[in-house]
């Protein structure tokens, strides 16, 4: 029981990051376009909030020249 509560609290304590697309995906590689789409970004100045997991941070690092990030 205590372990389950600890796991629930650990999941809720994940940091959140706000990702905003600031540059266009026109003339970018297909891989970068797919990464932007997978993050849920649709257009310039569109923002989404995600948990700061290693997978999301890796995706953001891949397209860091197209997005702006900040902690929430």
PDB file of N, CA and C in Angstrom:
ATOM      1  N   UNK A   1       0.821  -1.195   0.000  1.00  0.00           N
ATOM      2  CA  UNK A   1       0.000   0.000   0.000  1.00  0.00           C
ATOM      3  C   UNK A   1       0.866   1.259   0.000  1.00  0.00           C
ATOM      4  N   UNK A   2       1.865   1.296   0.850  1.00  0.00           N
ATOM      5  CA  UNK A   2       2.723   2.476   0.920  1.00  0.00           C
ATOM      6  C   UNK A   2       3.482   2.662  -0.390  1.00  0.00           C
ATOM      7  N   UNK A   3       3.955   1.564  -0.981  1.00  0.00           N
ATOM      8  CA  UNK A   3       4.671   1.671  -2.238  1.00  0.00           C
ATOM      9  C   UNK A   3       3.784   2.228  -3.339  1.00  0.00           C
ATOM     10  N   UNK A   4       2.528   1.830  -3.383  1.00  0.00           N
ATOM     11  CA  UNK A   4       1.621   2.348  -4.396  1.00  0.00           C
ATOM     12  C   UNK A   4       1.412   3.842  -4.223  1.00  0.00           C
ATOM     13  N   UNK A   5       1.273   4.295  -3.010  1.00  0.00           N
ATOM     14  CA  UNK A   5       1.098   5.721  -2.759  1.00  0.00           C
ATOM     15  C   UNK A   5       2.357   6.479  -3.167  1.00  0.00           C
ATOM     16  N   UNK A   6       3.510   5.901  -2.850  1.00  0.00           N
ATOM     17  CA  UNK A   6       4.773   6.522  -3.237  1.00  0.00           C
ATOM     18  C   UNK A   6       4.914   6.638  -4.741  1.00  0.00           C
ATOM     19  N   UNK A   7       4.493   5.610  -5.467  1.00  0.00           N
ATOM     20  CA  UNK A   7       4.560   5.647  -6.922  1.00  0.00           C
ATOM     21  C   UNK A   7       3.616   6.700  -7.487  1.00  0.00           C
ATOM     22  N   UNK A   8       2.439   6.809  -6.925  1.00  0.00           N
ATOM     23  CA  UNK A   8       1.486   7.814  -7.386  1.00  0.00           C
ATOM     24  C   UNK A   8       2.051   9.211  -7.154  1.00  0.00           C
ATOM     25  N   UNK A   9       2.645   9.427  -5.991  1.00  0.00           N
ATOM     26  CA  UNK A   9       3.223  10.733  -5.701  1.00  0.00           C
ATOM     27  C   UNK A   9       4.408  11.019  -6.612  1.00  0.00           C
ATOM     28  N   UNK A  10       5.212  10.004  -6.918  1.00  0.00           N
ATOM     29  CA  UNK A  10       6.359  10.196  -7.800  1.00  0.00           C
ATOM     30  C   UNK A  10       5.900  10.579  -9.208  1.00  0.00           C
ATOM     31  N   UNK A  11       4.825   9.963  -9.665  1.00  0.00           N
ATOM     32  CA  UNK A  11       4.311  10.303 -10.996  1.00  0.00           C
ATOM     33  C   UNK A  11       3.776  11.731 -11.028  1.00  0.00           C
ATOM     34  N   UNK A  12       3.142  12.157  -9.970  1.00  0.00           N
ATOM     35  CA  UNK A  12       2.577  13.498  -9.927  1.00  0.00           C
ATOM     36  C   UNK A  12       3.637  14.569  -9.744  1.00  0.00           C
ATOM     37  N   UNK A  13       4.830  14.205  -9.276  1.00  0.00           N
ATOM     38  CA  UNK A  13       5.857  15.198  -9.022  1.00  0.00           C
ATOM     39  C   UNK A  13       6.755  15.434 -10.232  1.00  0.00           C
ATOM     40  N   UNK A  14       6.435  14.831 -11.379  1.00  0.00           N
ATOM     41  CA  UNK A  14       7.212  15.076 -12.584  1.00  0.00           C
ATOM     42  C   UNK A  14       7.116  16.546 -12.970  1.00  0.00           C
ATOM     43  N   UNK A  15       8.223  17.092 -13.411  1.00  0.00           N
ATOM     44  CA  UNK A  15       8.206  18.480 -13.854  1.00  0.00           C
ATOM     45  C   UNK A  15       7.484  18.563 -15.189  1.00  0.00           C
ATOM     46  N   UNK A  16       6.880  19.673 -15.420  1.00  0.00           N
ATOM     47  CA  UNK A  16       6.191  19.913 -16.684  1.00  0.00           C
ATOM     48  C   UNK A  16       6.964  20.970 -17.459  1.00  0.00           C
ATOM     49  N   UNK A  17       6.964  20.836 -18.779  1.00  0.00           N
ATOM     50  CA  UNK A  17       7.584  21.850 -19.620  1.00  0.00           C
ATOM     51  C   UNK A  17       6.568  22.318 -20.660  1.00  0.00           C
ATOM     52  N   UNK A  18       6.641  23.593 -20.967  1.00  0.00           N
ATOM     53  CA  UNK A  18       5.797  24.184 -22.004  1.00  0.00           C
ATOM     54  C   UNK A  18       6.662  24.336 -23.244  1.00  0.00           C
ATOM     55  N   UNK A  19       6.202  23.776 -24.344  1.00  0.00           N
ATOM     56  CA  UNK A  19       6.946  23.796 -25.601  1.00  0.00           C
ATOM     57  C   UNK A  19       6.158  24.653 -26.587  1.00  0.00           C
ATOM     58  N   UNK A  20       6.811  25.647 -27.168  1.00  0.00           N
ATOM     59  CA  UNK A  20       6.174  26.552 -28.124  1.00  0.00           C
ATOM     60  C   UNK A  20       6.945  26.515 -29.430  1.00  0.00           C
ATOM     61  N   UNK A  21       6.235  26.289 -30.522  1.00  0.00           N
ATOM     62  CA  UNK A  21       6.886  26.307 -31.835  1.00  0.00           C
ATOM     63  C   UNK A  21       7.128  27.747 -32.229  1.00  0.00           C
ATOM     64  N   UNK A  22       8.374  28.083 -32.586  1.00  0.00           N
ATOM     65  CA  UNK A  22       8.691  29.465 -32.948  1.00  0.00           C
ATOM     66  C   UNK A  22       9.174  29.596 -34.390  1.00  0.00           C
ATOM     67  N   UNK A  23       9.480  28.466 -35.047  1.00  0.00           N
ATOM     68  CA  UNK A  23       9.926  28.516 -36.429  1.00  0.00           C
ATOM     69  C   UNK A  23       9.167  27.484 -37.251  1.00  0.00           C
ATOM     70  N   UNK A  24       9.120  27.715 -38.536  1.00  0.00           N
ATOM     71  CA  UNK A  24       8.371  26.860 -39.445  1.00  0.00           C
ATOM     72  C   UNK A  24       9.098  25.541 -39.711  1.00  0.00           C
ATOM     73  N   UNK A  25       8.319  24.539 -40.091  1.00  0.00           N
ATOM     74  CA  UNK A  25       8.897  23.242 -40.466  1.00  0.00           C
ATOM     75  C   UNK A  25       9.094  23.127 -41.974  1.00  0.00           C
ATOM     76  N   UNK A  26       8.816  24.171 -42.704  1.00  0.00           N
ATOM     77  CA  UNK A  26       9.051  24.170 -44.147  1.00  0.00           C
ATOM     78  C   UNK A  26      10.556  24.071 -44.388  1.00  0.00           C
ATOM     79  N   UNK A  27      10.944  23.247 -45.352  1.00  0.00           N
ATOM     80  CA  UNK A  27      12.345  22.988 -45.698  1.00  0.00           C
ATOM     81  C   UNK A  27      13.127  22.329 -44.570  1.00  0.00           C
ATOM     82  N   UNK A  28      12.460  21.590 -43.717  1.00  0.00           N
ATOM     83  CA  UNK A  28      13.119  20.794 -42.671  1.00  0.00           C
ATOM     84  C   UNK A  28      13.047  19.333 -43.080  1.00  0.00           C
ATOM     85  N   UNK A  29      13.879  18.523 -42.462  1.00  0.00           N
ATOM     86  CA  UNK A  29      13.866  17.106 -42.801  1.00  0.00           C
ATOM     87  C   UNK A  29      12.556  16.469 -42.341  1.00  0.00           C
ATOM     88  N   UNK A  30      12.214  15.368 -42.969  1.00  0.00           N
ATOM     89  CA  UNK A  30      10.976  14.660 -42.636  1.00  0.00           C
ATOM     90  C   UNK A  30      10.988  14.221 -41.173  1.00  0.00           C
ATOM     91  N   UNK A  31      12.145  13.853 -40.674  1.00  0.00           N
ATOM     92  CA  UNK A  31      12.289  13.424 -39.286  1.00  0.00           C
ATOM     93  C   UNK A  31      11.929  14.558 -38.319  1.00  0.00           C
ATOM     94  N   UNK A  32      12.368  15.766 -38.615  1.00  0.00           N
ATOM     95  CA  UNK A  32      12.046  16.915 -37.757  1.00  0.00           C
ATOM     96  C   UNK A  32      10.563  17.259 -37.841  1.00  0.00           C
ATOM     97  N   UNK A  33       9.979  17.154 -39.016  1.00  0.00           N
ATOM     98  CA  UNK A  33       8.547  17.414 -39.169  1.00  0.00           C
ATOM     99  C   UNK A  33       7.725  16.419 -38.351  1.00  0.00           C
ATOM    100  N   UNK A  34       8.130  15.142 -38.382  1.00  0.00           N
ATOM    101  CA  UNK A  34       7.422  14.117 -37.609  1.00  0.00           C
ATOM    102  C   UNK A  34       7.558  14.355 -36.113  1.00  0.00           C
ATOM    103  N   UNK A  35       8.717  14.824 -35.686  1.00  0.00           N
ATOM    104  CA  UNK A  35       8.935  15.087 -34.261  1.00  0.00           C
ATOM    105  C   UNK A  35       8.052  16.232 -33.787  1.00  0.00           C
ATOM    106  N   UNK A  36       7.954  17.288 -34.576  1.00  0.00           N
ATOM    107  CA  UNK A  36       7.080  18.415 -34.223  1.00  0.00           C
ATOM    108  C   UNK A  36       5.639  17.941 -34.127  1.00  0.00           C
ATOM    109  N   UNK A  37       5.208  17.136 -35.086  1.00  0.00           N
ATOM    110  CA  UNK A  37       3.838  16.619 -35.076  1.00  0.00           C
ATOM    111  C   UNK A  37       3.600  15.695 -33.883  1.00  0.00           C
ATOM    112  N   UNK A  38       4.589  14.860 -33.555  1.00  0.00           N
ATOM    113  CA  UNK A  38       4.448  13.929 -32.436  1.00  0.00           C
ATOM    114  C   UNK A  38       4.334  14.663 -31.103  1.00  0.00           C
ATOM    115  N   UNK A  39       4.942  15.820 -30.997  1.00  0.00           N
ATOM    116  CA  UNK A  39       4.830  16.626 -29.778  1.00  0.00           C
ATOM    117  C   UNK A  39       3.474  17.327 -29.688  1.00  0.00           C
ATOM    118  N   UNK A  40       2.723  17.331 -30.765  1.00  0.00           N
ATOM    119  CA  UNK A  40       1.398  17.943 -30.751  1.00  0.00           C
ATOM    120  C   UNK A  40       1.387  19.384 -31.201  1.00  0.00           C
ATOM    121  N   UNK A  41       2.491  19.840 -31.773  1.00  0.00           N
ATOM    122  CA  UNK A  41       2.556  21.226 -32.255  1.00  0.00           C
ATOM    123  C   UNK A  41       1.972  21.302 -33.660  1.00  0.00           C
ATOM    124  N   UNK A  42       1.172  22.333 -33.901  1.00  0.00           N
ATOM    125  CA  UNK A  42       0.468  22.431 -35.176  1.00  0.00           C
ATOM    126  C   UNK A  42       0.898  23.626 -36.020  1.00  0.00           C
ATOM    127  N   UNK A  43       1.302  24.705 -35.372  1.00  0.00           N
ATOM    128  CA  UNK A  43       1.635  25.925 -36.120  1.00  0.00           C
ATOM    129  C   UNK A  43       2.565  26.790 -35.270  1.00  0.00           C
ATOM    130  N   UNK A  44       3.080  27.826 -35.860  1.00  0.00           N
ATOM    131  CA  UNK A  44       3.952  28.759 -35.143  1.00  0.00           C
ATOM    132  C   UNK A  44       3.139  29.437 -34.039  1.00  0.00           C
ATOM    133  N   UNK A  45       3.764  29.610 -32.882  1.00  0.00           N
ATOM    134  CA  UNK A  45       3.191  30.189 -31.654  1.00  0.00           C
ATOM    135  C   UNK A  45       2.168  29.264 -30.984  1.00  0.00           C
ATOM    136  N   UNK A  46       2.077  28.021 -31.396  1.00  0.00           N
ATOM    137  CA  UNK A  46       1.222  27.047 -30.722  1.00  0.00           C
ATOM    138  C   UNK A  46       2.031  26.411 -29.598  1.00  0.00           C
ATOM    139  N   UNK A  47       1.425  26.265 -28.426  1.00  0.00           N
ATOM    140  CA  UNK A  47       2.119  25.722 -27.262  1.00  0.00           C
ATOM    141  C   UNK A  47       1.430  24.470 -26.753  1.00  0.00           C
ATOM    142  N   UNK A  48       2.229  23.568 -26.204  1.00  0.00           N
ATOM    143  CA  UNK A  48       1.725  22.368 -25.550  1.00  0.00           C
ATOM    144  C   UNK A  48       2.513  22.172 -24.257  1.00  0.00           C
ATOM    145  N   UNK A  49       1.898  21.476 -23.302  1.00  0.00           N
ATOM    146  CA  UNK A  49       2.562  21.181 -22.035  1.00  0.00           C
ATOM    147  C   UNK A  49       2.714  19.669 -21.927  1.00  0.00           C
ATOM    148  N   UNK A  50       3.933  19.228 -21.626  1.00  0.00           N
ATOM    149  CA  UNK A  50       4.240  17.811 -21.472  1.00  0.00           C
ATOM    150  C   UNK A  50       5.002  17.599 -20.176  1.00  0.00           C
ATOM    151  N   UNK A  51       4.951  16.364 -19.668  1.00  0.00           N
ATOM    152  CA  UNK A  51       5.830  15.979 -18.564  1.00  0.00           C
ATOM    153  C   UNK A  51       7.259  15.934 -19.091  1.00  0.00           C
ATOM    154  N   UNK A  52       8.205  16.314 -18.256  1.00  0.00           N
ATOM    155  CA  UNK A  52       9.611  16.358 -18.669  1.00  0.00           C
ATOM    156  C   UNK A  52      10.246  14.975 -18.540  1.00  0.00           C
ATOM    157  N   UNK A  53       9.794  14.043 -19.366  1.00  0.00           N
ATOM    158  CA  UNK A  53      10.365  12.698 -19.375  1.00  0.00           C
ATOM    159  C   UNK A  53      11.586  12.681 -20.292  1.00  0.00           C
ATOM    160  N   UNK A  54      12.449  11.694 -20.153  1.00  0.00           N
ATOM    161  CA  UNK A  54      13.609  11.621 -21.048  1.00  0.00           C
ATOM    162  C   UNK A  54      13.222  11.536 -22.527  1.00  0.00           C
ATOM    163  N   UNK A  55      12.095  10.883 -22.820  1.00  0.00           N
ATOM    164  CA  UNK A  55      11.657  10.763 -24.211  1.00  0.00           C
ATOM    165  C   UNK A  55      11.273  12.132 -24.782  1.00  0.00           C
ATOM    166  N   UNK A  56      10.509  12.902 -24.023  1.00  0.00           N
ATOM    167  CA  UNK A  56      10.078  14.224 -24.485  1.00  0.00           C
ATOM    168  C   UNK A  56      11.274  15.158 -24.588  1.00  0.00           C
ATOM    169  N   UNK A  57      12.169  15.118 -23.609  1.00  0.00           N
ATOM    170  CA  UNK A  57      13.347  15.981 -23.637  1.00  0.00           C
ATOM    171  C   UNK A  57      14.240  15.651 -24.829  1.00  0.00           C
ATOM    172  N   UNK A  58      14.333  14.375 -25.187  1.00  0.00           N
ATOM    173  CA  UNK A  58      15.103  13.984 -26.367  1.00  0.00           C
ATOM    174  C   UNK A  58      14.482  14.513 -27.647  1.00  0.00           C
ATOM    175  N   UNK A  59      13.160  14.477 -27.714  1.00  0.00           N
ATOM    176  CA  UNK A  59      12.463  15.011 -28.889  1.00  0.00           C
ATOM    177  C   UNK A  59      12.674  16.516 -28.999  1.00  0.00           C
ATOM    178  N   UNK A  60      12.595  17.197 -27.863  1.00  0.00           N
ATOM    179  CA  UNK A  60      12.795  18.654 -27.859  1.00  0.00           C
ATOM    180  C   UNK A  60      14.224  18.979 -28.274  1.00  0.00           C
ATOM    181  N   UNK A  61      15.179  18.208 -27.802  1.00  0.00           N
ATOM    182  CA  UNK A  61      16.576  18.444 -28.160  1.00  0.00           C
ATOM    183  C   UNK A  61      16.796  18.290 -29.666  1.00  0.00           C
ATOM    184  N   UNK A  62      16.056  17.398 -30.271  1.00  0.00           N
ATOM    185  CA  UNK A  62      16.186  17.138 -31.706  1.00  0.00           C
ATOM    186  C   UNK A  62      15.715  18.329 -32.548  1.00  0.00           C
ATOM    187  N   UNK A  63      14.745  19.081 -32.023  1.00  0.00           N
ATOM    188  CA  UNK A  63      14.195  20.217 -32.782  1.00  0.00           C
ATOM    189  C   UNK A  63      14.350  21.528 -31.999  1.00  0.00           C
ATOM    190  N   UNK A  64      15.423  21.621 -31.211  1.00  0.00           N
ATOM    191  CA  UNK A  64      15.603  22.788 -30.340  1.00  0.00           C
ATOM    192  C   UNK A  64      15.703  24.098 -31.116  1.00  0.00           C
ATOM    193  N   UNK A  65      16.070  24.047 -32.386  1.00  0.00           N
ATOM    194  CA  UNK A  65      16.168  25.254 -33.193  1.00  0.00           C
ATOM    195  C   UNK A  65      14.800  25.707 -33.705  1.00  0.00           C
ATOM    196  N   UNK A  66      13.758  24.891 -33.507  1.00  0.00           N
ATOM    197  CA  UNK A  66      12.414  25.233 -33.976  1.00  0.00           C
ATOM    198  C   UNK A  66      11.462  25.607 -32.848  1.00  0.00           C
ATOM    199  N   UNK A  67      11.850  25.301 -31.608  1.00  0.00           N
ATOM    200  CA  UNK A  67      10.944  25.490 -30.478  1.00  0.00           C
ATOM    201  C   UNK A  67      11.598  26.284 -29.359  1.00  0.00           C
ATOM    202  N   UNK A  68      10.756  26.748 -28.468  1.00  0.00           N
ATOM    203  CA  UNK A  68      11.189  27.429 -27.256  1.00  0.00           C
ATOM    204  C   UNK A  68      10.566  26.660 -26.087  1.00  0.00           C
ATOM    205  N   UNK A  69      11.337  26.426 -25.038  1.00  0.00           N
ATOM    206  CA  UNK A  69      10.818  25.674 -23.905  1.00  0.00           C
ATOM    207  C   UNK A  69      10.949  26.473 -22.628  1.00  0.00           C
ATOM    208  N   UNK A  70      10.041  26.187 -21.695  1.00  0.00           N
ATOM    209  CA  UNK A  70      10.109  26.803 -20.368  1.00  0.00           C
ATOM    210  C   UNK A  70       9.439  25.855 -19.381  1.00  0.00           C
ATOM    211  N   UNK A  71       9.904  25.897 -18.134  1.00  0.00           N
ATOM    212  CA  UNK A  71       9.315  25.062 -17.099  1.00  0.00           C
ATOM    213  C   UNK A  71       8.004  25.673 -16.640  1.00  0.00           C
ATOM    214  N   UNK A  72       7.059  24.803 -16.320  1.00  0.00           N
ATOM    215  CA  UNK A  72       5.761  25.265 -15.823  1.00  0.00           C
ATOM    216  C   UNK A  72       5.628  24.887 -14.368  1.00  0.00           C
TER     217      UNK A  72
END
